[in-house]
C-alpha cells in the first residue's frame, strides 16, 4: 500500500543517550525555615588546609550544616609560632523545622570536637553575625 503525504524515519540509540544524560536536578526548599549563622574562628597548625577543616565539619555536623566558608585567615603575635587562625561563616539549616539555639549549640559542639580531635584545632571565638 502507498501512504499519502511526507514521511520520515529515525532510530534512537537509548544506550548512548543515557550514557551522556545528566543526573536529574533536585531542588530543596531552603527558604521556609530561617538559618542560624555563626562566625567561628579556630587556631590550627599552619600546614592544615582550610578545605580539610570544612570537609571534616560537614562530616561531623551532617545535613544541617549547609555552608561553611572562610572569611579570614590571621597570623600574628597573638598566636604561637606555627599556628594560624581561620575564621568561618557557618550556616545551619533544617528543611523540616526551625533550628533552636540549642540545636545550633549542638551542631557547633560537633564541629569543635571533630576539628579538635582531627587537627588539634582550638576555638578562638564564636559570634553571631
PDB file of N, CA and C in Angstrom:
ATOM      1  N   UNK A   1       0.848  -1.184   0.000  1.00  0.00           N
ATOM      2  CA  UNK A   1       0.000   0.000   0.000  1.00  0.00           C
ATOM      3  C   UNK A   1       0.883   1.232   0.000  1.00  0.00           C
ATOM      4  N   UNK A   2       0.426   2.251  -0.609  1.00  0.00           N
ATOM      5  CA  UNK A   2       1.149   3.517  -0.686  1.00  0.00           C
ATOM      6  C   UNK A   2       0.463   4.497   0.262  1.00  0.00           C
ATOM      7  N   UNK A   3       1.267   5.157   1.123  1.00  0.00           N
ATOM      8  CA  UNK A   3       0.742   6.150   2.051  1.00  0.00           C
ATOM      9  C   UNK A   3       0.919   7.535   1.463  1.00  0.00           C
ATOM     10  N   UNK A   4      -0.074   8.335   1.597  1.00  0.00           N
ATOM     11  CA  UNK A   4      -0.042   9.707   1.083  1.00  0.00           C
ATOM     12  C   UNK A   4       0.731  10.608   2.046  1.00  0.00           C
ATOM     13  N   UNK A   5       1.295  11.684   1.586  1.00  0.00           N
ATOM     14  CA  UNK A   5       1.975  12.680   2.393  1.00  0.00           C
ATOM     15  C   UNK A   5       3.467  12.428   2.482  1.00  0.00           C
ATOM     16  N   UNK A   6       4.146  13.244   3.314  1.00  0.00           N
ATOM     17  CA  UNK A   6       5.586  13.117   3.500  1.00  0.00           C
ATOM     18  C   UNK A   6       5.863  12.294   4.750  1.00  0.00           C
ATOM     19  N   UNK A   7       6.828  11.429   4.667  1.00  0.00           N
ATOM     20  CA  UNK A   7       7.149  10.534   5.773  1.00  0.00           C
ATOM     21  C   UNK A   7       8.644  10.532   6.027  1.00  0.00           C
ATOM     22  N   UNK A   8       9.018  10.246   7.252  1.00  0.00           N
ATOM     23  CA  UNK A   8      10.436  10.144   7.600  1.00  0.00           C
ATOM     24  C   UNK A   8      10.574   9.048   8.651  1.00  0.00           C
ATOM     25  N   UNK A   9      11.786   8.562   8.797  1.00  0.00           N
ATOM     26  CA  UNK A   9      12.063   7.543   9.806  1.00  0.00           C
ATOM     27  C   UNK A   9      13.356   7.914  10.530  1.00  0.00           C
ATOM     28  N   UNK A  10      13.485   7.497  11.770  1.00  0.00           N
ATOM     29  CA  UNK A  10      14.722   7.719  12.512  1.00  0.00           C
ATOM     30  C   UNK A  10      14.888   6.605  13.525  1.00  0.00           C
ATOM     31  N   UNK A  11      16.105   6.508  14.037  1.00  0.00           N
ATOM     32  CA  UNK A  11      16.418   5.476  15.016  1.00  0.00           C
ATOM     33  C   UNK A  11      17.094   6.143  16.207  1.00  0.00           C
ATOM     34  N   UNK A  12      16.680   5.790  17.414  1.00  0.00           N
ATOM     35  CA  UNK A  12      17.298   6.308  18.637  1.00  0.00           C
ATOM     36  C   UNK A  12      18.099   5.202  19.300  1.00  0.00           C
ATOM     37  N   UNK A  13      19.337   5.540  19.666  1.00  0.00           N
ATOM     38  CA  UNK A  13      20.160   4.615  20.440  1.00  0.00           C
ATOM     39  C   UNK A  13      20.054   5.049  21.896  1.00  0.00           C
ATOM     40  N   UNK A  14      19.107   4.471  22.637  1.00  0.00           N
ATOM     41  CA  UNK A  14      18.852   4.887  24.015  1.00  0.00           C
ATOM     42  C   UNK A  14      20.071   4.674  24.912  1.00  0.00           C
ATOM     43  N   UNK A  15      20.835   3.639  24.673  1.00  0.00           N
ATOM     44  CA  UNK A  15      22.041   3.409  25.470  1.00  0.00           C
ATOM     45  C   UNK A  15      23.014   4.569  25.377  1.00  0.00           C
ATOM     46  N   UNK A  16      23.202   5.109  24.181  1.00  0.00           N
ATOM     47  CA  UNK A  16      24.102   6.256  24.006  1.00  0.00           C
ATOM     48  C   UNK A  16      23.536   7.509  24.662  1.00  0.00           C
ATOM     49  N   UNK A  17      22.225   7.705  24.545  1.00  0.00           N
ATOM     50  CA  UNK A  17      21.607   8.879  25.174  1.00  0.00           C
ATOM     51  C   UNK A  17      21.727   8.824  26.686  1.00  0.00           C
ATOM     52  N   UNK A  18      21.472   7.680  27.261  1.00  0.00           N
ATOM     53  CA  UNK A  18      21.553   7.532  28.714  1.00  0.00           C
ATOM     54  C   UNK A  18      22.986   7.737  29.202  1.00  0.00           C
ATOM     55  N   UNK A  19      23.960   7.292  28.409  1.00  0.00           N
ATOM     56  CA  UNK A  19      25.365   7.424  28.806  1.00  0.00           C
ATOM     57  C   UNK A  19      25.790   8.884  28.926  1.00  0.00           C
ATOM     58  N   UNK A  20      25.209   9.775  28.126  1.00  0.00           N
ATOM     59  CA  UNK A  20      25.612  11.187  28.160  1.00  0.00           C
ATOM     60  C   UNK A  20      24.600  12.078  28.887  1.00  0.00           C
ATOM     61  N   UNK A  21      23.505  11.483  29.361  1.00  0.00           N
ATOM     62  CA  UNK A  21      22.485  12.268  30.059  1.00  0.00           C
ATOM     63  C   UNK A  21      23.013  12.738  31.412  1.00  0.00           C
ATOM     64  N   UNK A  22      22.617  13.906  31.797  1.00  0.00           N
ATOM     65  CA  UNK A  22      22.992  14.445  33.100  1.00  0.00           C
ATOM     66  C   UNK A  22      22.083  13.867  34.178  1.00  0.00           C
ATOM     67  N   UNK A  23      22.607  13.877  35.411  1.00  0.00           N
ATOM     68  CA  UNK A  23      21.778  13.464  36.532  1.00  0.00           C
ATOM     69  C   UNK A  23      20.637  14.460  36.682  1.00  0.00           C
ATOM     70  N   UNK A  24      19.477  14.003  37.115  1.00  0.00           N
ATOM     71  CA  UNK A  24      18.363  14.941  37.293  1.00  0.00           C
ATOM     72  C   UNK A  24      18.701  15.967  38.376  1.00  0.00           C
ATOM     73  N   UNK A  25      18.248  17.171  38.159  1.00  0.00           N
ATOM     74  CA  UNK A  25      18.469  18.250  39.124  1.00  0.00           C
ATOM     75  C   UNK A  25      17.401  18.136  40.198  1.00  0.00           C
ATOM     76  N   UNK A  26      17.839  18.138  41.458  1.00  0.00           N
ATOM     77  CA  UNK A  26      16.899  18.080  42.572  1.00  0.00           C
ATOM     78  C   UNK A  26      17.011  19.387  43.348  1.00  0.00           C
ATOM     79  N   UNK A  27      15.882  19.949  43.648  1.00  0.00           N
ATOM     80  CA  UNK A  27      15.834  21.192  44.397  1.00  0.00           C
ATOM     81  C   UNK A  27      15.279  20.928  45.782  1.00  0.00           C
ATOM     82  N   UNK A  28      15.811  21.650  46.749  1.00  0.00           N
ATOM     83  CA  UNK A  28      15.289  21.579  48.103  1.00  0.00           C
ATOM     84  C   UNK A  28      14.811  22.956  48.509  1.00  0.00           C
ATOM     85  N   UNK A  29      13.753  22.995  49.279  1.00  0.00           N
ATOM     86  CA  UNK A  29      13.257  24.245  49.817  1.00  0.00           C
ATOM     87  C   UNK A  29      14.211  24.708  50.913  1.00  0.00           C
ATOM     88  N   UNK A  30      14.880  25.812  50.686  1.00  0.00           N
ATOM     89  CA  UNK A  30      15.825  26.319  51.682  1.00  0.00           C
ATOM     90  C   UNK A  30      15.359  27.648  52.273  1.00  0.00           C
ATOM     91  N   UNK A  31      14.161  28.046  51.955  1.00  0.00           N
ATOM     92  CA  UNK A  31      13.683  29.347  52.389  1.00  0.00           C
ATOM     93  C   UNK A  31      12.640  29.246  53.499  1.00  0.00           C
ATOM     94  N   UNK A  32      11.934  28.150  53.602  1.00  0.00           N
ATOM     95  CA  UNK A  32      10.815  28.030  54.530  1.00  0.00           C
ATOM     96  C   UNK A  32      11.220  28.311  55.973  1.00  0.00           C
ATOM     97  N   UNK A  33      12.354  27.783  56.408  1.00  0.00           N
ATOM     98  CA  UNK A  33      12.778  27.947  57.796  1.00  0.00           C
ATOM     99  C   UNK A  33      14.047  28.795  57.842  1.00  0.00           C
ATOM    100  N   UNK A  34      14.165  29.642  58.850  1.00  0.00           N
ATOM    101  CA  UNK A  34      15.332  30.521  58.922  1.00  0.00           C
ATOM    102  C   UNK A  34      16.613  29.757  59.257  1.00  0.00           C
ATOM    103  N   UNK A  35      17.712  30.285  58.775  1.00  0.00           N
ATOM    104  CA  UNK A  35      19.021  29.693  59.044  1.00  0.00           C
ATOM    105  C   UNK A  35      19.618  30.301  60.304  1.00  0.00           C
ATOM    106  N   UNK A  36      20.443  29.507  60.977  1.00  0.00           N
ATOM    107  CA  UNK A  36      21.264  30.015  62.079  1.00  0.00           C
ATOM    108  C   UNK A  36      22.641  30.301  61.504  1.00  0.00           C
ATOM    109  N   UNK A  37      23.193  31.441  61.851  1.00  0.00           N
ATOM    110  CA  UNK A  37      24.518  31.813  61.360  1.00  0.00           C
ATOM    111  C   UNK A  37      25.448  32.061  62.535  1.00  0.00           C
ATOM    112  N   UNK A  38      26.654  31.545  62.410  1.00  0.00           N
ATOM    113  CA  UNK A  38      27.687  31.749  63.434  1.00  0.00           C
ATOM    114  C   UNK A  38      28.999  32.043  62.733  1.00  0.00           C
ATOM    115  N   UNK A  39      29.798  32.876  63.337  1.00  0.00           N
ATOM    116  CA  UNK A  39      31.185  33.034  62.924  1.00  0.00           C
ATOM    117  C   UNK A  39      32.028  32.254  63.922  1.00  0.00           C
ATOM    118  N   UNK A  40      32.834  31.341  63.405  1.00  0.00           N
ATOM    119  CA  UNK A  40      33.715  30.536  64.246  1.00  0.00           C
ATOM    120  C   UNK A  40      35.145  30.733  63.791  1.00  0.00           C
ATOM    121  N   UNK A  41      36.040  31.001  64.724  1.00  0.00           N
ATOM    122  CA  UNK A  41      37.469  31.132  64.403  1.00  0.00           C
ATOM    123  C   UNK A  41      38.226  30.062  65.173  1.00  0.00           C
ATOM    124  N   UNK A  42      39.087  29.338  64.452  1.00  0.00           N
ATOM    125  CA  UNK A  42      39.867  28.252  65.035  1.00  0.00           C
ATOM    126  C   UNK A  42      41.349  28.529  64.876  1.00  0.00           C
ATOM    127  N   UNK A  43      42.111  28.204  65.912  1.00  0.00           N
ATOM    128  CA  UNK A  43      43.567  28.214  65.835  1.00  0.00           C
ATOM    129  C   UNK A  43      43.989  26.801  65.442  1.00  0.00           C
ATOM    130  N   UNK A  44      44.770  26.717  64.355  1.00  0.00           N
ATOM    131  CA  UNK A  44      45.241  25.417  63.857  1.00  0.00           C
ATOM    132  C   UNK A  44      46.694  25.537  63.422  1.00  0.00           C
ATOM    133  N   UNK A  45      47.312  24.387  63.223  1.00  0.00           N
ATOM    134  CA  UNK A  45      48.680  24.371  62.707  1.00  0.00           C
ATOM    135  C   UNK A  45      48.703  25.012  61.323  1.00  0.00           C
ATOM    136  N   UNK A  46      49.785  25.690  61.035  1.00  0.00           N
ATOM    137  CA  UNK A  46      49.955  26.423  59.778  1.00  0.00           C
ATOM    138  C   UNK A  46      49.726  25.543  58.552  1.00  0.00           C
ATOM    139  N   UNK A  47      50.081  24.259  58.626  1.00  0.00           N
ATOM    140  CA  UNK A  47      50.011  23.398  57.451  1.00  0.00           C
ATOM    141  C   UNK A  47      48.643  22.738  57.242  1.00  0.00           C
ATOM    142  N   UNK A  48      47.652  23.053  58.054  1.00  0.00           N
ATOM    143  CA  UNK A  48      46.315  22.465  57.904  1.00  0.00           C
ATOM    144  C   UNK A  48      45.517  23.299  56.897  1.00  0.00           C
ATOM    145  N   UNK A  49      45.107  22.688  55.776  1.00  0.00           N
ATOM    146  CA  UNK A  49      44.310  23.422  54.791  1.00  0.00           C
ATOM    147  C   UNK A  49      42.891  23.691  55.308  1.00  0.00           C
ATOM    148  N   UNK A  50      42.378  24.863  55.012  1.00  0.00           N
ATOM    149  CA  UNK A  50      41.019  25.211  55.420  1.00  0.00           C
ATOM    150  C   UNK A  50      40.004  24.249  54.822  1.00  0.00           C
ATOM    151  N   UNK A  51      40.252  23.766  53.620  1.00  0.00           N
ATOM    152  CA  UNK A  51      39.339  22.819  52.982  1.00  0.00           C
ATOM    153  C   UNK A  51      39.192  21.536  53.777  1.00  0.00           C
ATOM    154  N   UNK A  52      40.286  21.077  54.396  1.00  0.00           N
ATOM    155  CA  UNK A  52      40.207  19.878  55.232  1.00  0.00           C
ATOM    156  C   UNK A  52      39.341  20.129  56.466  1.00  0.00           C
ATOM    157  N   UNK A  53      39.432  21.329  57.021  1.00  0.00           N
ATOM    158  CA  UNK A  53      38.592  21.681  58.170  1.00  0.00           C
ATOM    159  C   UNK A  53      37.119  21.689  57.768  1.00  0.00           C
ATOM    160  N   UNK A  54      36.831  22.252  56.607  1.00  0.00           N
ATOM    161  CA  UNK A  54      35.451  22.323  56.123  1.00  0.00           C
ATOM    162  C   UNK A  54      34.898  20.918  55.871  1.00  0.00           C
ATOM    163  N   UNK A  55      35.682  20.073  55.212  1.00  0.00           N
ATOM    164  CA  UNK A  55      35.237  18.703  54.938  1.00  0.00           C
ATOM    165  C   UNK A  55      34.931  17.950  56.231  1.00  0.00           C
ATOM    166  N   UNK A  56      35.808  18.077  57.213  1.00  0.00           N
ATOM    167  CA  UNK A  56      35.607  17.393  58.494  1.00  0.00           C
ATOM    168  C   UNK A  56      34.374  17.939  59.215  1.00  0.00           C
ATOM    169  N   UNK A  57      34.154  19.240  59.143  1.00  0.00           N
ATOM    170  CA  UNK A  57      32.983  19.840  59.786  1.00  0.00           C
ATOM    171  C   UNK A  57      31.694  19.322  59.163  1.00  0.00           C
ATOM    172  N   UNK A  58      31.680  19.205  57.837  1.00  0.00           N
ATOM    173  CA  UNK A  58      30.483  18.679  57.165  1.00  0.00           C
ATOM    174  C   UNK A  58      30.223  17.232  57.561  1.00  0.00           C
ATOM    175  N   UNK A  59      31.274  16.447  57.682  1.00  0.00           N
ATOM    176  CA  UNK A  59      31.105  15.057  58.125  1.00  0.00           C
ATOM    177  C   UNK A  59      30.532  15.014  59.538  1.00  0.00           C
ATOM    178  N   UNK A  60      31.016  15.881  60.401  1.00  0.00           N
ATOM    179  CA  UNK A  60      30.598  15.879  61.807  1.00  0.00           C
ATOM    180  C   UNK A  60      29.169  16.370  61.983  1.00  0.00           C
ATOM    181  N   UNK A  61      28.814  17.419  61.285  1.00  0.00           N
ATOM    182  CA  UNK A  61      27.528  18.073  61.521  1.00  0.00           C
ATOM    183  C   UNK A  61      26.398  17.522  60.665  1.00  0.00           C
ATOM    184  N   UNK A  62      26.715  16.859  59.586  1.00  0.00           N
ATOM    185  CA  UNK A  62      25.669  16.285  58.744  1.00  0.00           C
ATOM    186  C   UNK A  62      24.950  17.321  57.909  1.00  0.00           C
ATOM    187  N   UNK A  63      23.716  16.977  57.541  1.00  0.00           N
ATOM    188  CA  UNK A  63      22.965  17.787  56.581  1.00  0.00           C
ATOM    189  C   UNK A  63      22.553  19.158  57.111  1.00  0.00           C
ATOM    190  N   UNK A  64      22.561  19.334  58.422  1.00  0.00           N
ATOM    191  CA  UNK A  64      22.163  20.627  58.980  1.00  0.00           C
ATOM    192  C   UNK A  64      23.211  21.710  58.759  1.00  0.00           C
ATOM    193  N   UNK A  65      24.441  21.317  58.498  1.00  0.00           N
ATOM    194  CA  UNK A  65      25.478  22.295  58.155  1.00  0.00           C
ATOM    195  C   UNK A  65      25.363  22.550  56.662  1.00  0.00           C
ATOM    196  N   UNK A  66      24.790  23.682  56.306  1.00  0.00           N
ATOM    197  CA  UNK A  66      24.521  23.983  54.902  1.00  0.00           C
ATOM    198  C   UNK A  66      25.687  24.677  54.215  1.00  0.00           C
ATOM    199  N   UNK A  67      26.424  25.474  54.966  1.00  0.00           N
ATOM    200  CA  UNK A  67      27.517  26.230  54.356  1.00  0.00           C
ATOM    201  C   UNK A  67      28.571  26.513  55.409  1.00  0.00           C
ATOM    202  N   UNK A  68      29.816  26.460  54.988  1.00  0.00           N
ATOM    203  CA  UNK A  68      30.925  26.839  55.856  1.00  0.00           C
ATOM    204  C   UNK A  68      32.006  27.388  54.944  1.00  0.00           C
ATOM    205  N   UNK A  69      32.255  28.691  55.082  1.00  0.00           N
ATOM    206  CA  UNK A  69      33.266  29.284  54.202  1.00  0.00           C
ATOM    207  C   UNK A  69      34.197  30.217  54.972  1.00  0.00           C
ATOM    208  N   UNK A  70      35.412  30.242  54.504  1.00  0.00           N
ATOM    209  CA  UNK A  70      36.453  31.058  55.129  1.00  0.00           C
ATOM    210  C   UNK A  70      36.202  32.529  54.807  1.00  0.00           C
ATOM    211  N   UNK A  71      36.303  33.376  55.833  1.00  0.00           N
ATOM    212  CA  UNK A  71      36.257  34.805  55.557  1.00  0.00           C
ATOM    213  C   UNK A  71      37.492  35.538  56.083  1.00  0.00           C
ATOM    214  N   UNK A  72      38.362  34.820  56.835  1.00  0.00           N
ATOM    215  CA  UNK A  72      39.582  35.480  57.311  1.00  0.00           C
ATOM    216  C   UNK A  72      40.608  34.434  57.731  1.00  0.00           C
ATOM    217  N   UNK A  73      41.857  34.722  57.436  1.00  0.00           N
ATOM    218  CA  UNK A  73      42.978  33.929  57.944  1.00  0.00           C
ATOM    219  C   UNK A  73      43.927  34.919  58.601  1.00  0.00           C
ATOM    220  N   UNK A  74      44.265  34.673  59.863  1.00  0.00           N
ATOM    221  CA  UNK A  74      45.100  35.601  60.628  1.00  0.00           C
ATOM    222  C   UNK A  74      46.351  34.883  61.113  1.00  0.00           C
ATOM    223  N   UNK A  75      47.460  35.573  60.955  1.00  0.00           N
ATOM    224  CA  UNK A  75      48.730  35.117  61.522  1.00  0.00           C
ATOM    225  C   UNK A  75      49.312  36.324  62.246  1.00  0.00           C
ATOM    226  N   UNK A  76      49.632  36.141  63.491  1.00  0.00           N
ATOM    227  CA  UNK A  76      50.140  37.291  64.210  1.00  0.00           C
ATOM    228  C   UNK A  76      50.730  36.931  65.551  1.00  0.00           C
ATOM    229  N   UNK A  77      51.131  37.975  66.260  1.00  0.00           N
ATOM    230  CA  UNK A  77      51.845  37.804  67.522  1.00  0.00           C
ATOM    231  C   UNK A  77      50.987  37.159  68.610  1.00  0.00           C
ATOM    232  N   UNK A  78      49.677  37.208  68.483  1.00  0.00           N
ATOM    233  CA  UNK A  78      48.804  36.621  69.493  1.00  0.00           C
ATOM    234  C   UNK A  78      48.740  35.099  69.404  1.00  0.00           C
ATOM    235  N   UNK A  79      49.268  34.542  68.310  1.00  0.00           N
ATOM    236  CA  UNK A  79      49.250  33.097  68.103  1.00  0.00           C
ATOM    237  C   UNK A  79      50.654  32.537  68.240  1.00  0.00           C
ATOM    238  N   UNK A  80      50.757  31.326  68.759  1.00  0.00           N
ATOM    239  CA  UNK A  80      52.084  30.699  68.846  1.00  0.00           C
ATOM    240  C   UNK A  80      52.676  30.474  67.452  1.00  0.00           C
ATOM    241  N   UNK A  81      53.987  30.385  67.386  1.00  0.00           N
ATOM    242  CA  UNK A  81      54.650  30.107  66.109  1.00  0.00           C
ATOM    243  C   UNK A  81      54.105  28.818  65.511  1.00  0.00           C
ATOM    244  N   UNK A  82      53.957  28.818  64.198  1.00  0.00           N
ATOM    245  CA  UNK A  82      53.484  27.631  63.505  1.00  0.00           C
ATOM    246  C   UNK A  82      51.976  27.466  63.522  1.00  0.00           C
ATOM    247  N   UNK A  83      51.241  28.484  64.034  1.00  0.00           N
ATOM    248  CA  UNK A  83      49.778  28.391  64.071  1.00  0.00           C
ATOM    249  C   UNK A  83      49.166  29.584  63.352  1.00  0.00           C
ATOM    250  N   UNK A  84      47.967  29.382  62.885  1.00  0.00           N
ATOM    251  CA  UNK A  84      47.196  30.446  62.245  1.00  0.00           C
ATOM    252  C   UNK A  84      45.768  30.371  62.771  1.00  0.00           C
ATOM    253  N   UNK A  85      45.027  31.434  62.560  1.00  0.00           N
ATOM    254  CA  UNK A  85      43.616  31.456  62.922  1.00  0.00           C
ATOM    255  C   UNK A  85      42.817  31.517  61.629  1.00  0.00           C
ATOM    256  N   UNK A  86      41.869  30.609  61.504  1.00  0.00           N
ATOM    257  CA  UNK A  86      40.996  30.579  60.329  1.00  0.00           C
ATOM    258  C   UNK A  86      39.573  30.837  60.810  1.00  0.00           C
ATOM    259  N   UNK A  87      38.948  31.886  60.254  1.00  0.00           N
ATOM    260  CA  UNK A  87      37.588  32.244  60.643  1.00  0.00           C
ATOM    261  C   UNK A  87      36.612  31.826  59.545  1.00  0.00           C
ATOM    262  N   UNK A  88      35.498  31.239  59.963  1.00  0.00           N
ATOM    263  CA  UNK A  88      34.490  30.718  59.040  1.00  0.00           C
ATOM    264  C   UNK A  88      33.130  31.334  59.325  1.00  0.00           C
ATOM    265  N   UNK A  89      32.369  31.556  58.266  1.00  0.00           N
ATOM    266  CA  UNK A  89      30.943  31.791  58.396  1.00  0.00           C
ATOM    267  C   UNK A  89      30.290  30.424  58.306  1.00  0.00           C
ATOM    268  N   UNK A  90      29.498  30.073  59.301  1.00  0.00           N
ATOM    269  CA  UNK A  90      28.827  28.775  59.357  1.00  0.00           C
ATOM    270  C   UNK A  90      27.325  29.022  59.275  1.00  0.00           C
ATOM    271  N   UNK A  91      26.666  28.347  58.329  1.00  0.00           N
ATOM    272  CA  UNK A  91      25.219  28.469  58.154  1.00  0.00           C
ATOM    273  C   UNK A  91      24.600  27.103  58.420  1.00  0.00           C
ATOM    274  N   UNK A  92      23.667  27.076  59.370  1.00  0.00           N
ATOM    275  CA  UNK A  92      22.982  25.837  59.746  1.00  0.00           C
ATOM    276  C   UNK A  92      21.495  25.985  59.424  1.00  0.00           C
ATOM    277  N   UNK A  93      20.914  24.924  58.860  1.00  0.00           N
ATOM    278  CA  UNK A  93      19.529  24.997  58.430  1.00  0.00           C
ATOM    279  C   UNK A  93      18.933  23.602  58.384  1.00  0.00           C
ATOM    280  N   UNK A  94      17.684  23.496  58.779  1.00  0.00           N
ATOM    281  CA  UNK A  94      16.937  22.249  58.629  1.00  0.00           C
ATOM    282  C   UNK A  94      15.754  22.550  57.720  1.00  0.00           C
ATOM    283  N   UNK A  95      15.511  21.712  56.726  1.00  0.00           N
ATOM    284  CA  UNK A  95      14.425  21.955  55.778  1.00  0.00           C
ATOM    285  C   UNK A  95      13.067  21.546  56.321  1.00  0.00           C
ATOM    286  N   UNK A  96      13.028  20.931  57.508  1.00  0.00           N
ATOM    287  CA  UNK A  96      11.760  20.447  58.044  1.00  0.00           C
ATOM    288  C   UNK A  96      11.293  21.200  59.287  1.00  0.00           C
ATOM    289  N   UNK A  97      12.160  22.023  59.871  1.00  0.00           N
ATOM    290  CA  UNK A  97      11.768  22.746  61.077  1.00  0.00           C
ATOM    291  C   UNK A  97      12.753  23.884  61.333  1.00  0.00           C
ATOM    292  N   UNK A  98      12.360  24.772  62.237  1.00  0.00           N
ATOM    293  CA  UNK A  98      13.246  25.851  62.657  1.00  0.00           C
ATOM    294  C   UNK A  98      14.232  25.312  63.687  1.00  0.00           C
ATOM    295  N   UNK A  99      15.500  25.561  63.471  1.00  0.00           N
ATOM    296  CA  UNK A  99      16.519  25.146  64.437  1.00  0.00           C
ATOM    297  C   UNK A  99      16.482  26.079  65.642  1.00  0.00           C
ATOM    298  N   UNK A 100      16.624  25.515  66.816  1.00  0.00           N
ATOM    299  CA  UNK A 100      16.666  26.293  68.050  1.00  0.00           C
ATOM    300  C   UNK A 100      18.115  26.656  68.369  1.00  0.00           C
ATOM    301  N   UNK A 101      18.284  27.514  69.358  1.00  0.00           N
ATOM    302  CA  UNK A 101      19.638  27.856  69.801  1.00  0.00           C
ATOM    303  C   UNK A 101      20.369  26.616  70.309  1.00  0.00           C
ATOM    304  N   UNK A 102      19.634  25.725  70.986  1.00  0.00           N
ATOM    305  CA  UNK A 102      20.285  24.511  71.483  1.00  0.00           C
ATOM    306  C   UNK A 102      20.690  23.595  70.327  1.00  0.00           C
ATOM    307  N   UNK A 103      19.926  23.588  69.228  1.00  0.00           N
ATOM    308  CA  UNK A 103      20.340  22.846  68.027  1.00  0.00           C
ATOM    309  C   UNK A 103      21.642  23.421  67.488  1.00  0.00           C
ATOM    310  N   UNK A 104      21.716  24.739  67.431  1.00  0.00           N
ATOM    311  CA  UNK A 104      22.932  25.399  66.961  1.00  0.00           C
ATOM    312  C   UNK A 104      24.121  25.082  67.853  1.00  0.00           C
ATOM    313  N   UNK A 105      23.900  25.102  69.157  1.00  0.00           N
ATOM    314  CA  UNK A 105      24.975  24.766  70.098  1.00  0.00           C
ATOM    315  C   UNK A 105      25.457  23.331  69.892  1.00  0.00           C
ATOM    316  N   UNK A 106      24.498  22.423  69.654  1.00  0.00           N
ATOM    317  CA  UNK A 106      24.849  21.015  69.427  1.00  0.00           C
ATOM    318  C   UNK A 106      25.690  20.857  68.151  1.00  0.00           C
ATOM    319  N   UNK A 107      25.271  21.506  67.080  1.00  0.00           N
ATOM    320  CA  UNK A 107      25.991  21.404  65.807  1.00  0.00           C
ATOM    321  C   UNK A 107      27.384  22.001  65.935  1.00  0.00           C
ATOM    322  N   UNK A 108      27.476  23.181  66.538  1.00  0.00           N
ATOM    323  CA  UNK A 108      28.787  23.812  66.736  1.00  0.00           C
ATOM    324  C   UNK A 108      29.656  22.923  67.623  1.00  0.00           C
ATOM    325  N   UNK A 109      29.070  22.327  68.655  1.00  0.00           N
ATOM    326  CA  UNK A 109      29.825  21.421  69.521  1.00  0.00           C
ATOM    327  C   UNK A 109      30.391  20.240  68.751  1.00  0.00           C
ATOM    328  N   UNK A 110      29.604  19.696  67.819  1.00  0.00           N
ATOM    329  CA  UNK A 110      30.086  18.579  66.991  1.00  0.00           C
ATOM    330  C   UNK A 110      31.259  19.034  66.119  1.00  0.00           C
ATOM    331  N   UNK A 111      31.140  20.211  65.556  1.00  0.00           N
ATOM    332  CA  UNK A 111      32.208  20.748  64.704  1.00  0.00           C
ATOM    333  C   UNK A 111      33.472  20.961  65.520  1.00  0.00           C
ATOM    334  N   UNK A 112      33.346  21.627  66.664  1.00  0.00           N
ATOM    335  CA  UNK A 112      34.503  21.922  67.514  1.00  0.00           C
ATOM    336  C   UNK A 112      35.191  20.634  67.958  1.00  0.00           C
ATOM    337  N   UNK A 113      34.417  19.654  68.408  1.00  0.00           N
ATOM    338  CA  UNK A 113      35.004  18.394  68.877  1.00  0.00           C
ATOM    339  C   UNK A 113      35.749  17.677  67.760  1.00  0.00           C
ATOM    340  N   UNK A 114      35.158  17.643  66.573  1.00  0.00           N
ATOM    341  CA  UNK A 114      35.790  16.952  65.447  1.00  0.00           C
ATOM    342  C   UNK A 114      37.071  17.653  65.013  1.00  0.00           C
ATOM    343  N   UNK A 115      37.035  18.970  64.896  1.00  0.00           N
ATOM    344  CA  UNK A 115      38.236  19.694  64.467  1.00  0.00           C
ATOM    345  C   UNK A 115      39.337  19.618  65.518  1.00  0.00           C
ATOM    346  N   UNK A 116      38.950  19.577  66.774  1.00  0.00           N
ATOM    347  CA  UNK A 116      39.928  19.420  67.848  1.00  0.00           C
ATOM    348  C   UNK A 116      40.586  18.048  67.777  1.00  0.00           C
ATOM    349  N   UNK A 117      39.765  17.005  67.625  1.00  0.00           N
ATOM    350  CA  UNK A 117      40.286  15.634  67.573  1.00  0.00           C
ATOM    351  C   UNK A 117      41.177  15.397  66.357  1.00  0.00           C
ATOM    352  N   UNK A 118      40.732  15.845  65.199  1.00  0.00           N
ATOM    353  CA  UNK A 118      41.454  15.542  63.956  1.00  0.00           C
ATOM    354  C   UNK A 118      42.653  16.445  63.692  1.00  0.00           C
ATOM    355  N   UNK A 119      42.530  17.717  64.079  1.00  0.00           N
ATOM    356  CA  UNK A 119      43.551  18.684  63.684  1.00  0.00           C
ATOM    357  C   UNK A 119      44.185  19.436  64.850  1.00  0.00           C
ATOM    358  N   UNK A 120      43.774  19.143  66.078  1.00  0.00           N
ATOM    359  CA  UNK A 120      44.291  19.883  67.224  1.00  0.00           C
ATOM    360  C   UNK A 120      43.821  21.334  67.216  1.00  0.00           C
ATOM    361  N   UNK A 121      42.683  21.600  66.574  1.00  0.00           N
ATOM    362  CA  UNK A 121      42.155  22.948  66.475  1.00  0.00           C
ATOM    363  C   UNK A 121      41.561  23.373  67.810  1.00  0.00           C
ATOM    364  N   UNK A 122      41.718  24.658  68.124  1.00  0.00           N
ATOM    365  CA  UNK A 122      41.072  25.208  69.306  1.00  0.00           C
ATOM    366  C   UNK A 122      40.181  26.372  68.866  1.00  0.00           C
ATOM    367  N   UNK A 123      38.996  26.447  69.452  1.00  0.00           N
ATOM    368  CA  UNK A 123      38.062  27.522  69.139  1.00  0.00           C
ATOM    369  C   UNK A 123      38.573  28.819  69.751  1.00  0.00           C
ATOM    370  N   UNK A 124      38.792  29.836  68.923  1.00  0.00           N
ATOM    371  CA  UNK A 124      39.265  31.142  69.398  1.00  0.00           C
ATOM    372  C   UNK A 124      38.116  32.075  69.680  1.00  0.00           C
ATOM    373  N   UNK A 125      37.093  32.047  68.819  1.00  0.00           N
ATOM    374  CA  UNK A 125      35.945  32.919  69.035  1.00  0.00           C
ATOM    375  C   UNK A 125      34.717  32.353  68.340  1.00  0.00           C
ATOM    376  N   UNK A 126      33.559  32.762  68.884  1.00  0.00           N
ATOM    377  CA  UNK A 126      32.266  32.352  68.341  1.00  0.00           C
ATOM    378  C   UNK A 126      31.330  33.527  68.484  1.00  0.00           C
ATOM    379  N   UNK A 127      30.795  34.001  67.358  1.00  0.00           N
ATOM    380  CA  UNK A 127      29.865  35.122  67.397  1.00  0.00           C
ATOM    381  C   UNK A 127      28.741  34.892  66.405  1.00  0.00           C
ATOM    382  N   UNK A 128      27.618  35.550  66.655  1.00  0.00           N
ATOM    383  CA  UNK A 128      26.508  35.551  65.712  1.00  0.00           C
ATOM    384  C   UNK A 128      26.615  36.820  64.888  1.00  0.00           C
ATOM    385  N   UNK A 129      26.682  36.669  63.563  1.00  0.00           N
ATOM    386  CA  UNK A 129      26.817  37.882  62.720  1.00  0.00           C
ATOM    387  C   UNK A 129      25.573  38.743  62.742  1.00  0.00           C
TER     388      UNK A 129
END
